[in-house]
Amino acid sequence: QALFGSGRRGEVSGGRELSPCLTHAPASTVRIIIRRASMPEVVSLCKGPKEAYEAMVDKGAELCRKSLPKVFHQSVYAGIYIGFGGMLSLVIAGGLADVSKNNPTIQSFVFAALFPVNLLIIILTGGVLFTGVSAIVPAAVFEKKAHWSHIPKLLAISWIGNLIGGVIFALLVSYCDMNLGATAELAKHTIHKKCSKPFLKTFIKGIGCNWLVCMAVFLSGQAQDMAGKMVGIWFPISCFVAIGFEHVPANMFVLTMGLLAGSEETVWDAFWKNMVPTTLGNFVAGFIFVALGYSYAFGELGGNNRSPIELTRCSSEEVGPGDDLAHPLAANDHGLKATPASVPEPGAKEAAKDVEIGGSDMPLRDLNFAPASALAPAAKEMPEDLENALRVQLGWGQAICGRTPVWGEQPSPAKRRDRHRRGLLRPPSIEPLD
């Protein structure tokens, strides 16, 4: 009844006033005005994994569109933020040296519990970490949203920027006499431990680390509120720290702190025995296990279709008006992008009326449709396409749901049963989509 019933504006159903839907016209033509439903909808505060992956792809495509100075700037900031969290963990956990002599798990737990503050700041402020770049940029390449040349370029810039930021912060806190006592002892113990392992073992620990770090990025993208993002970041990050995996941006700061505290290890030891295998392991985890693996699960490599759910993104500062970073139906900010229908018979255009789709918060999009008899086979597939688009964009479970279809004659009972089975026809009540 909302669209194809009595046709009166402001029709009341179940005590609710419906949006204006239909004005009658001669049998050969019709003018339809569809507006956004004003009823409440069921909204989830957590995206599904497919939508989270596509948001990660869009984030990688956006990063590829940034200027290199901006990428470098955000990489240096990320390195400094790593220093904030690392310094917090060194100071607090270092003070627990006496308590943890008989139970070193206490010190490890406190270090791991405090460290994720840096990733929380980095992810929520748009910082650029080498570990994240190794996943989001290849994912954008796999989904054909970016050229492969962006991978080595952005990896190199982010690695250098993270190193500069971490070293600068370590020099500043050491200059301020904050790298002394228990903090310095824990820093020296950490660099000795990290540089004493074989190359292959450090490489494998680097894989485990960045797999979890990328899952923190993935989970934070699923959450839509601050508390959810904090939880999504905290658990994977604290997990890799407590386990003892290797994170190259974190090591850039912690190893520098150990060197400045007077460790027996040299700069070459820190670079070759730890940073090189950790860098390689972090890259393999991001490129293969996250970007490639989830592209197969949800994206182009697995032959998957894009999610029908409109994606919301936190930023599009480097995206031009013609760029499509989300679902095709969401290419414009408000929704449906319409194109004129073809008119196969002469004179049919004069008999047609306009179909307007829009609302107070949506620019009007005009479509010219000929009468059903004139559209012939050209319009056979259009009703279903329009219906699906409306169901996605307007959130109406019954956007096209009445007793008479948009084009053509009344369907046969068998065809209506088939459309009901496929979910294309709904009862004529207005309820939000599940």
Foldseek 3Di string as FASTA:
>chain_A
DQAPPPQDAQDDDPNDTWHRFFDDDPPQEGATEDEFTPDDFDDDQFDDLLLLLLQLLLLLLLVLLDDLVVLLVLLLVLLQLQVVQQLVLLVVLLVCVVVCPVPVLVSLLSSLQRNLVSVLVSLVVVHDALLSLLANNLLNVLQVSDPPVVNVVSSVSSLVSLLNNLLVNLVVCVVVVNLDDSSLVVLLVVLVVQLPDALVVLLQLLLLLSLLQNQLSSQLSRGNDSVSNCVSRSVSRSVSSSVPGADQSSLSNSNSSNVSSPHPDDPVSSCPRHNVSSSNSSSCNNNPVRSVVVCLVNHDVVPHDFDLAWHDHDDNPSPDLQDDSHPPQPSDPQGHDDDEFDFQDPPQQVVYDWYWYYYPVGDTDTYTDGGQVRCPPSCPPVQQVVLSRCCRRSQWLASQADQAGPHDGGDDPVVVVVCVVVSSHDPPDTDGDD
